[in-house]
Amino acid sequence: SCITKRIWHPALLLLCTSGDISQKTTWHRISVFRPGLRDVTYQYVRKGCRIFVEGKIDYGEYTDKNNVRRQATTIIAGKEKS
């Protein structure tokens, strides 16, 4: 899994003087199928590492164990062959 975090200051958007900072965190699943890339990923990527992921993005929906519909974003890592 990987997260992306967007941070912004509402005062810049609303021209107010509040000191609040807003943020939104989004979780993404990453799938690595290419054997060479998968091996390098397992060897070097650790929790807390900043990474660059290039690949195809896939959006889906599922129902969790509490019967709540959720959206999921999966990044299928690796360049597409031309």
N, C-alpha and C. Protein backbone atom coordinates (compact mmCIF):
# COMPACT_ATOMS: atom_id res chain seq x y z
N SER A 1 0.83 -1.19 0.00
CA SER A 1 0.00 0.00 0.00
C SER A 1 0.87 1.25 0.00
N CYS A 2 0.30 2.30 -0.47
CA CYS A 2 1.00 3.58 -0.56
C CYS A 2 -0.02 4.66 -0.24
N ILE A 3 0.43 5.75 0.34
CA ILE A 3 -0.48 6.87 0.59
C ILE A 3 -0.02 8.10 -0.17
N THR A 4 -0.98 8.91 -0.54
CA THR A 4 -0.67 10.25 -1.02
C THR A 4 -1.37 11.20 -0.07
N LYS A 5 -0.70 12.29 0.23
CA LYS A 5 -1.24 13.26 1.18
C LYS A 5 -1.25 14.63 0.53
N ARG A 6 -2.39 15.28 0.60
CA ARG A 6 -2.54 16.64 0.09
C ARG A 6 -2.77 17.55 1.29
N ILE A 7 -1.94 18.58 1.42
CA ILE A 7 -2.04 19.51 2.55
C ILE A 7 -2.25 20.92 1.99
N TRP A 8 -3.18 21.64 2.58
CA TRP A 8 -3.41 23.02 2.15
C TRP A 8 -3.83 23.86 3.34
N HIS A 9 -3.71 25.14 3.19
CA HIS A 9 -4.04 26.09 4.24
C HIS A 9 -5.31 26.82 3.81
N PRO A 10 -6.43 26.61 4.51
CA PRO A 10 -7.70 27.23 4.10
C PRO A 10 -7.64 28.75 4.02
N ALA A 11 -6.79 29.37 4.80
CA ALA A 11 -6.71 30.84 4.78
C ALA A 11 -6.29 31.34 3.40
N LEU A 12 -5.49 30.55 2.71
CA LEU A 12 -5.08 30.96 1.37
C LEU A 12 -6.25 30.88 0.39
N LEU A 13 -7.18 29.96 0.66
CA LEU A 13 -8.32 29.80 -0.22
C LEU A 13 -9.45 30.75 0.13
N LEU A 14 -9.66 31.01 1.40
CA LEU A 14 -10.81 31.79 1.83
C LEU A 14 -10.46 33.21 2.28
N LEU A 15 -9.20 33.55 2.23
CA LEU A 15 -8.73 34.86 2.66
C LEU A 15 -9.13 35.17 4.10
N CYS A 16 -9.04 34.18 4.96
CA CYS A 16 -9.31 34.39 6.38
C CYS A 16 -8.01 34.20 7.15
N THR A 17 -8.04 34.46 8.44
CA THR A 17 -6.80 34.42 9.22
C THR A 17 -6.70 33.20 10.12
N SER A 18 -7.54 32.20 9.91
CA SER A 18 -7.45 31.02 10.77
C SER A 18 -6.13 30.30 10.54
N GLY A 19 -5.62 29.67 11.56
CA GLY A 19 -4.34 28.98 11.45
C GLY A 19 -4.48 27.50 11.16
N ASP A 20 -5.68 27.06 10.83
CA ASP A 20 -5.91 25.64 10.58
C ASP A 20 -5.27 25.19 9.27
N ILE A 21 -4.75 23.98 9.30
CA ILE A 21 -4.22 23.37 8.09
C ILE A 21 -5.08 22.15 7.81
N SER A 22 -5.52 22.02 6.58
CA SER A 22 -6.35 20.89 6.19
C SER A 22 -5.51 19.89 5.41
N GLN A 23 -5.87 18.62 5.54
CA GLN A 23 -5.16 17.60 4.77
C GLN A 23 -6.09 16.47 4.40
N LYS A 24 -5.76 15.81 3.31
CA LYS A 24 -6.52 14.65 2.87
C LYS A 24 -5.51 13.55 2.53
N THR A 25 -5.69 12.39 3.13
CA THR A 25 -4.82 11.25 2.88
C THR A 25 -5.61 10.20 2.11
N THR A 26 -5.01 9.68 1.05
CA THR A 26 -5.64 8.67 0.23
C THR A 26 -4.74 7.44 0.16
N TRP A 27 -5.31 6.26 0.40
CA TRP A 27 -4.56 5.01 0.33
C TRP A 27 -4.72 4.40 -1.05
N HIS A 28 -3.63 3.82 -1.56
CA HIS A 28 -3.63 3.14 -2.85
C HIS A 28 -2.97 1.77 -2.67
N ARG A 29 -3.50 0.79 -3.36
CA ARG A 29 -2.83 -0.50 -3.43
C ARG A 29 -1.89 -0.46 -4.61
N ILE A 30 -0.74 -1.12 -4.47
CA ILE A 30 0.20 -1.21 -5.57
C ILE A 30 0.41 -2.68 -5.90
N SER A 31 0.24 -3.03 -7.17
CA SER A 31 0.47 -4.40 -7.62
C SER A 31 1.68 -4.40 -8.54
N VAL A 32 2.60 -5.32 -8.29
CA VAL A 32 3.80 -5.45 -9.11
C VAL A 32 3.83 -6.87 -9.64
N PHE A 33 3.70 -7.03 -10.96
CA PHE A 33 3.65 -8.36 -11.55
C PHE A 33 4.94 -8.74 -12.28
N ARG A 34 5.66 -7.75 -12.83
CA ARG A 34 6.90 -8.07 -13.56
C ARG A 34 7.93 -8.64 -12.60
N PRO A 35 8.46 -9.85 -12.88
CA PRO A 35 9.37 -10.52 -11.94
C PRO A 35 10.59 -9.69 -11.52
N GLY A 36 11.28 -9.05 -12.42
CA GLY A 36 12.46 -8.26 -12.06
C GLY A 36 12.11 -7.07 -11.19
N LEU A 37 11.05 -6.39 -11.55
CA LEU A 37 10.60 -5.23 -10.79
C LEU A 37 10.09 -5.65 -9.42
N ARG A 38 9.39 -6.77 -9.37
CA ARG A 38 8.87 -7.29 -8.10
C ARG A 38 10.02 -7.62 -7.14
N ASP A 39 11.08 -8.24 -7.64
CA ASP A 39 12.23 -8.59 -6.80
C ASP A 39 12.92 -7.36 -6.22
N VAL A 40 13.10 -6.35 -7.07
CA VAL A 40 13.72 -5.09 -6.61
C VAL A 40 12.84 -4.42 -5.57
N THR A 41 11.53 -4.44 -5.79
CA THR A 41 10.58 -3.84 -4.85
C THR A 41 10.68 -4.50 -3.48
N TYR A 42 10.66 -5.83 -3.45
CA TYR A 42 10.76 -6.55 -2.17
C TYR A 42 12.09 -6.29 -1.48
N GLN A 43 13.15 -6.11 -2.26
CA GLN A 43 14.48 -5.92 -1.69
C GLN A 43 14.69 -4.53 -1.09
N TYR A 44 14.17 -3.49 -1.74
CA TYR A 44 14.53 -2.13 -1.34
C TYR A 44 13.42 -1.28 -0.73
N VAL A 45 12.16 -1.55 -1.02
CA VAL A 45 11.08 -0.69 -0.53
C VAL A 45 10.68 -1.12 0.87
N ARG A 46 10.69 -0.18 1.78
CA ARG A 46 10.31 -0.42 3.18
C ARG A 46 9.28 0.61 3.62
N LYS A 47 8.61 0.32 4.71
CA LYS A 47 7.61 1.23 5.26
C LYS A 47 8.24 2.59 5.53
N GLY A 48 7.57 3.64 5.09
CA GLY A 48 8.05 5.00 5.30
C GLY A 48 8.92 5.53 4.18
N CYS A 49 9.32 4.68 3.22
CA CYS A 49 10.14 5.13 2.09
C CYS A 49 9.30 5.96 1.14
N ARG A 50 9.91 6.98 0.59
CA ARG A 50 9.25 7.72 -0.48
C ARG A 50 9.60 7.00 -1.78
N ILE A 51 8.57 6.77 -2.59
CA ILE A 51 8.79 6.05 -3.84
C ILE A 51 8.09 6.77 -4.98
N PHE A 52 8.55 6.49 -6.17
CA PHE A 52 7.90 6.97 -7.39
C PHE A 52 7.35 5.73 -8.08
N VAL A 53 6.06 5.74 -8.36
CA VAL A 53 5.43 4.59 -9.01
C VAL A 53 4.87 5.03 -10.34
N GLU A 54 5.25 4.29 -11.38
CA GLU A 54 4.74 4.57 -12.72
C GLU A 54 4.01 3.33 -13.20
N GLY A 55 2.84 3.51 -13.74
CA GLY A 55 2.09 2.37 -14.23
C GLY A 55 0.67 2.74 -14.59
N LYS A 56 -0.17 1.74 -14.58
CA LYS A 56 -1.58 1.90 -14.94
C LYS A 56 -2.40 2.02 -13.66
N ILE A 57 -3.37 2.92 -13.64
CA ILE A 57 -4.21 3.09 -12.47
C ILE A 57 -5.57 2.43 -12.72
N ASP A 58 -6.07 1.76 -11.71
CA ASP A 58 -7.33 1.03 -11.83
C ASP A 58 -8.22 1.40 -10.65
N TYR A 59 -9.45 1.78 -10.94
CA TYR A 59 -10.40 2.15 -9.89
C TYR A 59 -11.41 1.02 -9.73
N GLY A 60 -11.76 0.72 -8.51
CA GLY A 60 -12.74 -0.33 -8.26
C GLY A 60 -13.58 -0.03 -7.04
N GLU A 61 -14.53 -0.89 -6.81
CA GLU A 61 -15.43 -0.74 -5.68
C GLU A 61 -15.61 -2.10 -5.03
N TYR A 62 -15.73 -2.12 -3.73
CA TYR A 62 -15.96 -3.37 -3.02
C TYR A 62 -16.83 -3.09 -1.80
N THR A 63 -17.36 -4.17 -1.21
CA THR A 63 -18.16 -4.07 0.00
C THR A 63 -17.36 -4.68 1.14
N ASP A 64 -17.13 -3.93 2.22
CA ASP A 64 -16.32 -4.43 3.33
C ASP A 64 -17.14 -5.37 4.22
N LYS A 65 -16.51 -5.88 5.28
CA LYS A 65 -17.17 -6.86 6.14
C LYS A 65 -18.37 -6.29 6.90
N ASN A 66 -18.46 -4.96 7.00
CA ASN A 66 -19.60 -4.30 7.65
C ASN A 66 -20.69 -3.91 6.64
N ASN A 67 -20.55 -4.46 5.43
CA ASN A 67 -21.50 -4.22 4.35
C ASN A 67 -21.55 -2.75 3.92
N VAL A 68 -20.39 -2.07 3.97
CA VAL A 68 -20.27 -0.69 3.53
C VAL A 68 -19.53 -0.68 2.20
N ARG A 69 -20.09 0.02 1.22
CA ARG A 69 -19.43 0.10 -0.09
C ARG A 69 -18.24 1.05 0.00
N ARG A 70 -17.10 0.59 -0.50
CA ARG A 70 -15.86 1.37 -0.48
C ARG A 70 -15.30 1.47 -1.89
N GLN A 71 -14.52 2.52 -2.12
CA GLN A 71 -13.82 2.66 -3.39
C GLN A 71 -12.36 2.32 -3.17
N ALA A 72 -11.73 1.74 -4.17
CA ALA A 72 -10.33 1.35 -4.07
C ALA A 72 -9.58 1.81 -5.32
N THR A 73 -8.36 2.26 -5.11
CA THR A 73 -7.48 2.63 -6.21
C THR A 73 -6.30 1.69 -6.19
N THR A 74 -6.04 1.03 -7.32
CA THR A 74 -4.89 0.14 -7.44
C THR A 74 -3.99 0.68 -8.53
N ILE A 75 -2.68 0.73 -8.23
CA ILE A 75 -1.70 1.13 -9.23
C ILE A 75 -0.97 -0.14 -9.65
N ILE A 76 -1.03 -0.46 -10.93
CA ILE A 76 -0.33 -1.63 -11.45
C ILE A 76 1.01 -1.12 -11.96
N ALA A 77 2.06 -1.38 -11.17
CA ALA A 77 3.37 -0.79 -11.41
C ALA A 77 4.05 -1.41 -12.62
N GLY A 78 4.82 -0.59 -13.30
CA GLY A 78 5.60 -1.03 -14.45
C GLY A 78 5.13 -0.36 -15.71
N LYS A 79 6.09 -0.07 -16.58
CA LYS A 79 5.74 0.55 -17.86
C LYS A 79 5.07 -0.45 -18.76
N GLU A 80 4.11 0.03 -19.52
CA GLU A 80 3.47 -0.80 -20.54
C GLU A 80 4.43 -0.94 -21.71
N LYS A 81 4.51 -2.13 -22.27
CA LYS A 81 5.36 -2.34 -23.45
C LYS A 81 4.67 -1.78 -24.67
N SER A 82 5.44 -1.08 -25.50
CA SER A 82 4.86 -0.46 -26.70
C SER A 82 4.80 -1.45 -27.84
